[in-house]
Amino acid sequence: MGLLKTAAKVAVASSVHGRVQRRQQTRWAAQDAAAAGVPATPAAPAPPAAPMPPSAPATAPGGGPRDLMVALTSLRSAGVLTDSEFAEISARIFS
């Protein structure tokens, strides 16, 4: 369970970092355009934020294998876990 909690925290931190970075880049581009005397054009709308993966490890203990697999699958989809790590953890869940 410790690995899943850590992976969920990393996924959240990565998501927040990405949003902050995009917001800063947009702000800096507007400042650069204003300094150059070019009228600022509206930036392309940012894609909608991906929904956060369900955090089964943060729920009550004994969430069940289905909840753990949902969380594990979302972590693999987010790129937090490799396929080999996914296989190893899922084998431990169902053993």
PDB file of N, CA and C in Angstrom:
ATOM      1  N   MET A   1       0.803  -1.185   0.000  1.00  0.00           N
ATOM      2  CA  MET A   1       0.000   0.000   0.000  1.00  0.00           C
ATOM      3  C   MET A   1       0.853   1.258   0.000  1.00  0.00           C
ATOM      4  N   GLY A   2       2.026   1.203   0.602  1.00  0.00           N
ATOM      5  CA  GLY A   2       2.877   2.379   0.655  1.00  0.00           C
ATOM      6  C   GLY A   2       3.257   2.864  -0.727  1.00  0.00           C
ATOM      7  N   LEU A   3       3.506   1.926  -1.638  1.00  0.00           N
ATOM      8  CA  LEU A   3       3.880   2.293  -3.003  1.00  0.00           C
ATOM      9  C   LEU A   3       2.729   3.002  -3.712  1.00  0.00           C
ATOM     10  N   LEU A   4       1.523   2.533  -3.508  1.00  0.00           N
ATOM     11  CA  LEU A   4       0.371   3.162  -4.156  1.00  0.00           C
ATOM     12  C   LEU A   4       0.120   4.563  -3.606  1.00  0.00           C
ATOM     13  N   LYS A   5       0.282   4.744  -2.302  1.00  0.00           N
ATOM     14  CA  LYS A   5       0.101   6.072  -1.719  1.00  0.00           C
ATOM     15  C   LYS A   5       1.143   7.039  -2.276  1.00  0.00           C
ATOM     16  N   THR A   6       2.383   6.570  -2.337  1.00  0.00           N
ATOM     17  CA  THR A   6       3.453   7.412  -2.867  1.00  0.00           C
ATOM     18  C   THR A   6       3.200   7.743  -4.330  1.00  0.00           C
ATOM     19  N   ALA A   7       2.794   6.755  -5.108  1.00  0.00           N
ATOM     20  CA  ALA A   7       2.529   6.982  -6.524  1.00  0.00           C
ATOM     21  C   ALA A   7       1.365   7.955  -6.708  1.00  0.00           C
ATOM     22  N   ALA A   8       0.345   7.864  -5.875  1.00  0.00           N
ATOM     23  CA  ALA A   8      -0.789   8.789  -5.975  1.00  0.00           C
ATOM     24  C   ALA A   8      -0.347  10.215  -5.650  1.00  0.00           C
ATOM     25  N   LYS A   9       0.502  10.369  -4.636  1.00  0.00           N
ATOM     26  CA  LYS A   9       1.005  11.701  -4.284  1.00  0.00           C
ATOM     27  C   LYS A   9       1.854  12.269  -5.405  1.00  0.00           C
ATOM     28  N   VAL A  10       2.670  11.424  -6.035  1.00  0.00           N
ATOM     29  CA  VAL A  10       3.504  11.875  -7.148  1.00  0.00           C
ATOM     30  C   VAL A  10       2.630  12.301  -8.324  1.00  0.00           C
ATOM     31  N   ALA A  11       1.569  11.563  -8.579  1.00  0.00           N
ATOM     32  CA  ALA A  11       0.676  11.917  -9.683  1.00  0.00           C
ATOM     33  C   ALA A  11       0.016  13.269  -9.437  1.00  0.00           C
ATOM     34  N   VAL A  12      -0.403  13.524  -8.221  1.00  0.00           N
ATOM     35  CA  VAL A  12      -1.023  14.805  -7.890  1.00  0.00           C
ATOM     36  C   VAL A  12      -0.008  15.929  -8.020  1.00  0.00           C
ATOM     37  N   ALA A  13       1.196  15.711  -7.495  1.00  0.00           N
ATOM     38  CA  ALA A  13       2.235  16.744  -7.570  1.00  0.00           C
ATOM     39  C   ALA A  13       2.595  17.046  -9.013  1.00  0.00           C
ATOM     40  N   SER A  14       2.671  16.035  -9.833  1.00  0.00           N
ATOM     41  CA  SER A  14       2.995  16.226 -11.242  1.00  0.00           C
ATOM     42  C   SER A  14       1.899  17.011 -11.953  1.00  0.00           C
ATOM     43  N   SER A  15       0.657  16.716 -11.629  1.00  0.00           N
ATOM     44  CA  SER A  15      -0.466  17.420 -12.233  1.00  0.00           C
ATOM     45  C   SER A  15      -0.456  18.896 -11.845  1.00  0.00           C
ATOM     46  N   VAL A  16      -0.227  19.172 -10.578  1.00  0.00           N
ATOM     47  CA  VAL A  16      -0.181  20.560 -10.106  1.00  0.00           C
ATOM     48  C   VAL A  16       0.978  21.293 -10.760  1.00  0.00           C
ATOM     49  N   HIS A  17       2.125  20.644 -10.838  1.00  0.00           N
ATOM     50  CA  HIS A  17       3.300  21.260 -11.459  1.00  0.00           C
ATOM     51  C   HIS A  17       3.010  21.631 -12.910  1.00  0.00           C
ATOM     52  N   GLY A  18       2.360  20.753 -13.641  1.00  0.00           N
ATOM     53  CA  GLY A  18       2.033  21.026 -15.041  1.00  0.00           C
ATOM     54  C   GLY A  18       1.109  22.217 -15.197  1.00  0.00           C
ATOM     55  N   ARG A  19       0.096  22.298 -14.333  1.00  0.00           N
ATOM     56  CA  ARG A  19      -0.831  23.436 -14.405  1.00  0.00           C
ATOM     57  C   ARG A  19      -0.130  24.747 -14.085  1.00  0.00           C
ATOM     58  N   VAL A  20       0.715  24.741 -13.064  1.00  0.00           N
ATOM     59  CA  VAL A  20       1.442  25.959 -12.696  1.00  0.00           C
ATOM     60  C   VAL A  20       2.379  26.373 -13.824  1.00  0.00           C
ATOM     61  N   GLN A  21       3.058  25.418 -14.406  1.00  0.00           N
ATOM     62  CA  GLN A  21       3.994  25.712 -15.489  1.00  0.00           C
ATOM     63  C   GLN A  21       3.262  26.316 -16.697  1.00  0.00           C
ATOM     64  N   ARG A  22       2.109  25.754 -17.075  1.00  0.00           N
ATOM     65  CA  ARG A  22       1.349  26.309 -18.202  1.00  0.00           C
ATOM     66  C   ARG A  22       0.858  27.721 -17.900  1.00  0.00           C
ATOM     67  N   ARG A  23       0.381  27.942 -16.676  1.00  0.00           N
ATOM     68  CA  ARG A  23      -0.097  29.263 -16.296  1.00  0.00           C
ATOM     69  C   ARG A  23       1.046  30.290 -16.335  1.00  0.00           C
ATOM     70  N   GLN A  24       2.238  29.914 -15.856  1.00  0.00           N
ATOM     71  CA  GLN A  24       3.378  30.822 -15.882  1.00  0.00           C
ATOM     72  C   GLN A  24       3.811  31.115 -17.315  1.00  0.00           C
ATOM     73  N   GLN A  25       3.833  30.115 -18.164  1.00  0.00           N
ATOM     74  CA  GLN A  25       4.237  30.329 -19.551  1.00  0.00           C
ATOM     75  C   GLN A  25       3.283  31.282 -20.253  1.00  0.00           C
ATOM     76  N   THR A  26       1.989  31.143 -19.996  1.00  0.00           N
ATOM     77  CA  THR A  26       1.011  32.045 -20.594  1.00  0.00           C
ATOM     78  C   THR A  26       1.221  33.475 -20.092  1.00  0.00           C
ATOM     79  N   ARG A  27       1.440  33.616 -18.808  1.00  0.00           N
ATOM     80  CA  ARG A  27       1.662  34.946 -18.232  1.00  0.00           C
ATOM     81  C   ARG A  27       2.937  35.577 -18.788  1.00  0.00           C
ATOM     82  N   TRP A  28       4.016  34.808 -18.876  1.00  0.00           N
ATOM     83  CA  TRP A  28       5.278  35.345 -19.387  1.00  0.00           C
ATOM     84  C   TRP A  28       5.172  35.713 -20.868  1.00  0.00           C
ATOM     85  N   ALA A  29       4.432  34.926 -21.630  1.00  0.00           N
ATOM     86  CA  ALA A  29       4.243  35.248 -23.048  1.00  0.00           C
ATOM     87  C   ALA A  29       3.486  36.562 -23.200  1.00  0.00           C
ATOM     88  N   ALA A  30       2.483  36.779 -22.348  1.00  0.00           N
ATOM     89  CA  ALA A  30       1.734  38.035 -22.396  1.00  0.00           C
ATOM     90  C   ALA A  30       2.620  39.208 -22.004  1.00  0.00           C
ATOM     91  N   GLN A  31       3.481  39.019 -21.017  1.00  0.00           N
ATOM     92  CA  GLN A  31       4.394  40.081 -20.607  1.00  0.00           C
ATOM     93  C   GLN A  31       5.398  40.393 -21.711  1.00  0.00           C
ATOM     94  N   ASP A  32       5.920  39.379 -22.364  1.00  0.00           N
ATOM     95  CA  ASP A  32       6.864  39.584 -23.464  1.00  0.00           C
ATOM     96  C   ASP A  32       6.195  40.316 -24.621  1.00  0.00           C
ATOM     97  N   ALA A  33       4.951  39.951 -24.913  1.00  0.00           N
ATOM     98  CA  ALA A  33       4.229  40.607 -26.003  1.00  0.00           C
ATOM     99  C   ALA A  33       3.964  42.069 -25.659  1.00  0.00           C
ATOM    100  N   ALA A  34       3.631  42.342 -24.405  1.00  0.00           N
ATOM    101  CA  ALA A  34       3.370  43.718 -23.987  1.00  0.00           C
ATOM    102  C   ALA A  34       4.656  44.541 -24.043  1.00  0.00           C
ATOM    103  N   ALA A  35       5.765  43.953 -23.671  1.00  0.00           N
ATOM    104  CA  ALA A  35       7.050  44.652 -23.686  1.00  0.00           C
ATOM    105  C   ALA A  35       7.495  44.931 -25.120  1.00  0.00           C
ATOM    106  N   ALA A  36       7.138  44.074 -26.053  1.00  0.00           N
ATOM    107  CA  ALA A  36       7.523  44.248 -27.450  1.00  0.00           C
ATOM    108  C   ALA A  36       6.561  45.189 -28.170  1.00  0.00           C
ATOM    109  N   GLY A  37       5.479  45.577 -27.522  1.00  0.00           N
ATOM    110  CA  GLY A  37       4.517  46.479 -28.128  1.00  0.00           C
ATOM    111  C   GLY A  37       3.531  45.784 -29.043  1.00  0.00           C
ATOM    112  N   VAL A  38       3.532  44.503 -29.040  1.00  0.00           N
ATOM    113  CA  VAL A  38       2.608  43.729 -29.864  1.00  0.00           C
ATOM    114  C   VAL A  38       1.344  43.503 -29.049  1.00  0.00           C
ATOM    115  N   PRO A  39       0.186  43.769 -29.630  1.00  0.00           N
ATOM    116  CA  PRO A  39      -1.030  43.511 -28.860  1.00  0.00           C
ATOM    117  C   PRO A  39      -1.127  42.022 -28.528  1.00  0.00           C
ATOM    118  N   ALA A  40      -1.439  41.758 -27.307  1.00  0.00           N
ATOM    119  CA  ALA A  40      -1.521  40.368 -26.850  1.00  0.00           C
ATOM    120  C   ALA A  40      -2.722  39.689 -27.485  1.00  0.00           C
ATOM    121  N   THR A  41      -2.479  38.544 -28.069  1.00  0.00           N
ATOM    122  CA  THR A  41      -3.574  37.755 -28.630  1.00  0.00           C
ATOM    123  C   THR A  41      -4.000  36.754 -27.571  1.00  0.00           C
ATOM    124  N   PRO A  42      -5.257  36.461 -27.507  1.00  0.00           N
ATOM    125  CA  PRO A  42      -5.680  35.487 -26.494  1.00  0.00           C
ATOM    126  C   PRO A  42      -5.035  34.132 -26.778  1.00  0.00           C
ATOM    127  N   ALA A  43      -4.519  33.538 -25.744  1.00  0.00           N
ATOM    128  CA  ALA A  43      -3.883  32.230 -25.875  1.00  0.00           C
ATOM    129  C   ALA A  43      -4.953  31.180 -26.156  1.00  0.00           C
ATOM    130  N   ALA A  44      -4.525  30.118 -26.796  1.00  0.00           N
ATOM    131  CA  ALA A  44      -5.447  29.020 -27.053  1.00  0.00           C
ATOM    132  C   ALA A  44      -5.917  28.481 -25.708  1.00  0.00           C
ATOM    133  N   PRO A  45      -7.170  28.141 -25.604  1.00  0.00           N
ATOM    134  CA  PRO A  45      -7.650  27.642 -24.319  1.00  0.00           C
ATOM    135  C   PRO A  45      -6.920  26.359 -23.945  1.00  0.00           C
ATOM    136  N   ALA A  46      -6.579  26.266 -22.695  1.00  0.00           N
ATOM    137  CA  ALA A  46      -5.887  25.074 -22.205  1.00  0.00           C
ATOM    138  C   ALA A  46      -6.861  23.900 -22.239  1.00  0.00           C
ATOM    139  N   PRO A  47      -6.328  22.719 -22.521  1.00  0.00           N
ATOM    140  CA  PRO A  47      -7.218  21.560 -22.507  1.00  0.00           C
ATOM    141  C   PRO A  47      -7.764  21.361 -21.102  1.00  0.00           C
ATOM    142  N   PRO A  48      -8.957  20.833 -21.002  1.00  0.00           N
ATOM    143  CA  PRO A  48      -9.530  20.637 -19.674  1.00  0.00           C
ATOM    144  C   PRO A  48      -8.648  19.703 -18.855  1.00  0.00           C
ATOM    145  N   ALA A  49      -8.566  19.980 -17.596  1.00  0.00           N
ATOM    146  CA  ALA A  49      -7.736  19.157 -16.716  1.00  0.00           C
ATOM    147  C   ALA A  49      -8.310  17.747 -16.658  1.00  0.00           C
ATOM    148  N   ALA A  50      -7.407  16.791 -16.677  1.00  0.00           N
ATOM    149  CA  ALA A  50      -7.822  15.401 -16.596  1.00  0.00           C
ATOM    150  C   ALA A  50      -8.382  15.137 -15.200  1.00  0.00           C
ATOM    151  N   PRO A  51      -9.414  14.345 -15.102  1.00  0.00           N
ATOM    152  CA  PRO A  51      -9.940  14.048 -13.773  1.00  0.00           C
ATOM    153  C   PRO A  51      -8.901  13.296 -12.958  1.00  0.00           C
ATOM    154  N   MET A  52      -8.874  13.583 -11.690  1.00  0.00           N
ATOM    155  CA  MET A  52      -7.910  12.922 -10.822  1.00  0.00           C
ATOM    156  C   MET A  52      -8.281  11.456 -10.690  1.00  0.00           C
ATOM    157  N   PRO A  53      -7.255  10.586 -10.669  1.00  0.00           N
ATOM    158  CA  PRO A  53      -7.555   9.165 -10.498  1.00  0.00           C
ATOM    159  C   PRO A  53      -8.105   8.918  -9.104  1.00  0.00           C
ATOM    160  N   PRO A  54      -8.997   7.958  -8.979  1.00  0.00           N
ATOM    161  CA  PRO A  54      -9.523   7.658  -7.652  1.00  0.00           C
ATOM    162  C   PRO A  54      -8.384   7.199  -6.754  1.00  0.00           C
ATOM    163  N   SER A  55      -8.376   7.670  -5.533  1.00  0.00           N
ATOM    164  CA  SER A  55      -7.273   7.326  -4.637  1.00  0.00           C
ATOM    165  C   SER A  55      -7.731   6.254  -3.662  1.00  0.00           C
ATOM    166  N   ALA A  56      -7.710   5.032  -4.107  1.00  0.00           N
ATOM    167  CA  ALA A  56      -8.125   3.923  -3.260  1.00  0.00           C
ATOM    168  C   ALA A  56      -7.265   3.809  -2.007  1.00  0.00           C
ATOM    169  N   PRO A  57      -5.939   4.059  -2.066  1.00  0.00           N
ATOM    170  CA  PRO A  57      -5.150   3.925  -0.849  1.00  0.00           C
ATOM    171  C   PRO A  57      -5.554   4.943   0.215  1.00  0.00           C
ATOM    172  N   ALA A  58      -6.104   6.082  -0.166  1.00  0.00           N
ATOM    173  CA  ALA A  58      -6.464   7.096   0.806  1.00  0.00           C
ATOM    174  C   ALA A  58      -7.803   6.795   1.478  1.00  0.00           C
ATOM    175  N   THR A  59      -8.548   5.858   0.934  1.00  0.00           N
ATOM    176  CA  THR A  59      -9.830   5.501   1.530  1.00  0.00           C
ATOM    177  C   THR A  59      -9.589   4.588   2.727  1.00  0.00           C
ATOM    178  N   ALA A  60     -10.654   4.149   3.311  1.00  0.00           N
ATOM    179  CA  ALA A  60     -10.547   3.284   4.485  1.00  0.00           C
ATOM    180  C   ALA A  60      -9.799   2.005   4.134  1.00  0.00           C
ATOM    181  N   PRO A  61      -9.042   1.456   5.092  1.00  0.00           N
ATOM    182  CA  PRO A  61      -8.321   0.209   4.832  1.00  0.00           C
ATOM    183  C   PRO A  61      -9.294  -0.885   4.424  1.00  0.00           C
ATOM    184  N   GLY A  62      -8.803  -1.795   3.613  1.00  0.00           N
ATOM    185  CA  GLY A  62      -9.635  -2.898   3.157  1.00  0.00           C
ATOM    186  C   GLY A  62     -10.555  -2.480   2.038  1.00  0.00           C
ATOM    187  N   GLY A  63     -10.095  -1.561   1.176  1.00  0.00           N
ATOM    188  CA  GLY A  63     -10.905  -1.061   0.087  1.00  0.00           C
ATOM    189  C   GLY A  63     -11.276  -2.143  -0.905  1.00  0.00           C
ATOM    190  N   GLY A  64     -10.581  -3.231  -0.905  1.00  0.00           N
ATOM    191  CA  GLY A  64     -10.885  -4.322  -1.797  1.00  0.00           C
ATOM    192  C   GLY A  64     -10.015  -4.315  -3.034  1.00  0.00           C
ATOM    193  N   PRO A  65      -9.848  -5.465  -3.647  1.00  0.00           N
ATOM    194  CA  PRO A  65      -8.974  -5.569  -4.810  1.00  0.00           C
ATOM    195  C   PRO A  65      -9.461  -4.762  -6.007  1.00  0.00           C
ATOM    196  N   ARG A  66     -10.777  -4.629  -6.163  1.00  0.00           N
ATOM    197  CA  ARG A  66     -11.282  -3.867  -7.306  1.00  0.00           C
ATOM    198  C   ARG A  66     -10.858  -2.408  -7.208  1.00  0.00           C
ATOM    199  N   ASP A  67     -11.013  -1.814  -6.025  1.00  0.00           N
ATOM    200  CA  ASP A  67     -10.625  -0.421  -5.836  1.00  0.00           C
ATOM    201  C   ASP A  67      -9.121  -0.231  -6.037  1.00  0.00           C
ATOM    202  N   LEU A  68      -8.350  -1.181  -5.540  1.00  0.00           N
ATOM    203  CA  LEU A  68      -6.900  -1.097  -5.716  1.00  0.00           C
ATOM    204  C   LEU A  68      -6.515  -1.197  -7.193  1.00  0.00           C
ATOM    205  N   MET A  69      -7.186  -2.063  -7.920  1.00  0.00           N
ATOM    206  CA  MET A  69      -6.864  -2.210  -9.341  1.00  0.00           C
ATOM    207  C   MET A  69      -7.268  -0.974 -10.132  1.00  0.00           C
ATOM    208  N   VAL A  70      -8.360  -0.334  -9.757  1.00  0.00           N
ATOM    209  CA  VAL A  70      -8.774   0.907 -10.429  1.00  0.00           C
ATOM    210  C   VAL A  70      -7.705   1.975 -10.227  1.00  0.00           C
ATOM    211  N   ALA A  71      -7.249   2.108  -8.985  1.00  0.00           N
ATOM    212  CA  ALA A  71      -6.210   3.096  -8.684  1.00  0.00           C
ATOM    213  C   ALA A  71      -4.909   2.744  -9.400  1.00  0.00           C
ATOM    214  N   LEU A  72      -4.571   1.488  -9.402  1.00  0.00           N
ATOM    215  CA  LEU A  72      -3.332   1.033 -10.041  1.00  0.00           C
ATOM    216  C   LEU A  72      -3.375   1.272 -11.547  1.00  0.00           C
ATOM    217  N   THR A  73      -4.516   1.004 -12.155  1.00  0.00           N
ATOM    218  CA  THR A  73      -4.670   1.223 -13.597  1.00  0.00           C
ATOM    219  C   THR A  73      -4.558   2.702 -13.938  1.00  0.00           C
ATOM    220  N   SER A  74      -5.145   3.553 -13.107  1.00  0.00           N
ATOM    221  CA  SER A  74      -5.056   4.987 -13.383  1.00  0.00           C
ATOM    222  C   SER A  74      -3.625   5.485 -13.214  1.00  0.00           C
ATOM    223  N   LEU A  75      -2.887   4.922 -12.276  1.00  0.00           N
ATOM    224  CA  LEU A  75      -1.483   5.314 -12.117  1.00  0.00           C
ATOM    225  C   LEU A  75      -0.654   4.865 -13.313  1.00  0.00           C
ATOM    226  N   ARG A  76      -0.955   3.689 -13.839  1.00  0.00           N
ATOM    227  CA  ARG A  76      -0.230   3.225 -15.022  1.00  0.00           C
ATOM    228  C   ARG A  76      -0.578   4.105 -16.222  1.00  0.00           C
ATOM    229  N   SER A  77      -1.848   4.484 -16.351  1.00  0.00           N
ATOM    230  CA  SER A  77      -2.259   5.342 -17.462  1.00  0.00           C
ATOM    231  C   SER A  77      -1.615   6.717 -17.376  1.00  0.00           C
ATOM    232  N   ALA A  78      -1.404   7.201 -16.154  1.00  0.00           N
ATOM    233  CA  ALA A  78      -0.778   8.504 -15.960  1.00  0.00           C
ATOM    234  C   ALA A  78       0.732   8.458 -16.165  1.00  0.00           C
ATOM    235  N   GLY A  79       1.288   7.261 -16.324  1.00  0.00           N
ATOM    236  CA  GLY A  79       2.718   7.130 -16.544  1.00  0.00           C
ATOM    237  C   GLY A  79       3.529   7.070 -15.267  1.00  0.00           C
ATOM    238  N   VAL A  80       2.866   6.927 -14.138  1.00  0.00           N
ATOM    239  CA  VAL A  80       3.575   6.855 -12.861  1.00  0.00           C
ATOM    240  C   VAL A  80       4.194   5.478 -12.680  1.00  0.00           C
ATOM    241  N   LEU A  81       3.502   4.446 -13.124  1.00  0.00           N
ATOM    242  CA  LEU A  81       3.991   3.074 -13.001  1.00  0.00           C
ATOM    243  C   LEU A  81       4.328   2.505 -14.377  1.00  0.00           C
ATOM    244  N   THR A  82       5.374   1.702 -14.419  1.00  0.00           N
ATOM    245  CA  THR A  82       5.711   0.992 -15.658  1.00  0.00           C
ATOM    246  C   THR A  82       4.864  -0.271 -15.730  1.00  0.00           C
ATOM    247  N   ASP A  83       4.876  -0.909 -16.895  1.00  0.00           N
ATOM    248  CA  ASP A  83       4.092  -2.140 -17.054  1.00  0.00           C
ATOM    249  C   ASP A  83       4.586  -3.240 -16.117  1.00  0.00           C
ATOM    250  N   SER A  84       5.902  -3.321 -15.922  1.00  0.00           N
ATOM    251  CA  SER A  84       6.428  -4.366 -15.040  1.00  0.00           C
ATOM    252  C   SER A  84       6.043  -4.103 -13.584  1.00  0.00           C
ATOM    253  N   GLU A  85       6.058  -2.835 -13.150  1.00  0.00           N
ATOM    254  CA  GLU A  85       5.623  -2.513 -11.790  1.00  0.00           C
ATOM    255  C   GLU A  85       4.135  -2.812 -11.625  1.00  0.00           C
ATOM    256  N   PHE A  86       3.355  -2.476 -12.658  1.00  0.00           N
ATOM    257  CA  PHE A  86       1.923  -2.748 -12.629  1.00  0.00           C
ATOM    258  C   PHE A  86       1.675  -4.246 -12.468  1.00  0.00           C
ATOM    259  N   ALA A  87       2.391  -5.064 -13.238  1.00  0.00           N
ATOM    260  CA  ALA A  87       2.206  -6.510 -13.171  1.00  0.00           C
ATOM    261  C   ALA A  87       2.602  -7.054 -11.797  1.00  0.00           C
ATOM    262  N   GLU A  88       3.692  -6.529 -11.256  1.00  0.00           N
ATOM    263  CA  GLU A  88       4.162  -6.998  -9.945  1.00  0.00           C
ATOM    264  C   GLU A  88       3.154  -6.673  -8.846  1.00  0.00           C
ATOM    265  N   ILE A  89       2.650  -5.453  -8.836  1.00  0.00           N
ATOM    266  CA  ILE A  89       1.719  -5.049  -7.781  1.00  0.00           C
ATOM    267  C   ILE A  89       0.379  -5.757  -7.938  1.00  0.00           C
ATOM    268  N   SER A  90      -0.088  -5.898  -9.190  1.00  0.00           N
ATOM    269  CA  SER A  90      -1.377  -6.585  -9.382  1.00  0.00           C
ATOM    270  C   SER A  90      -1.270  -8.063  -8.990  1.00  0.00           C
ATOM    271  N   ALA A  91      -0.098  -8.665  -9.197  1.00  0.00           N
ATOM    272  CA  ALA A  91       0.083 -10.051  -8.763  1.00  0.00           C
ATOM    273  C   ALA A  91       0.008 -10.143  -7.250  1.00  0.00           C
ATOM    274  N   ARG A  92       0.560  -9.142  -6.542  1.00  0.00           N
ATOM    275  CA  ARG A  92       0.488  -9.154  -5.077  1.00  0.00           C
ATOM    276  C   ARG A  92      -0.938  -8.925  -4.596  1.00  0.00           C
ATOM    277  N   ILE A  93      -1.697  -8.122  -5.317  1.00  0.00           N
ATOM    278  CA  ILE A  93      -3.084  -7.852  -4.909  1.00  0.00           C
ATOM    279  C   ILE A  93      -3.920  -9.126  -4.995  1.00  0.00           C
ATOM    280  N   PHE A  94      -3.729  -9.893  -6.051  1.00  0.00           N
ATOM    281  CA  PHE A  94      -4.565 -11.055  -6.273  1.00  0.00           C
ATOM    282  C   PHE A  94      -3.971 -12.357  -5.748  1.00  0.00           C
ATOM    283  N   SER A  95      -2.859 -12.276  -5.041  1.00  0.00           N
ATOM    284  CA  SER A  95      -2.282 -13.517  -4.490  1.00  0.00           C
ATOM    285  C   SER A  95      -2.774 -13.792  -3.094  1.00  0.00           C
TER     286      SER A  95
END
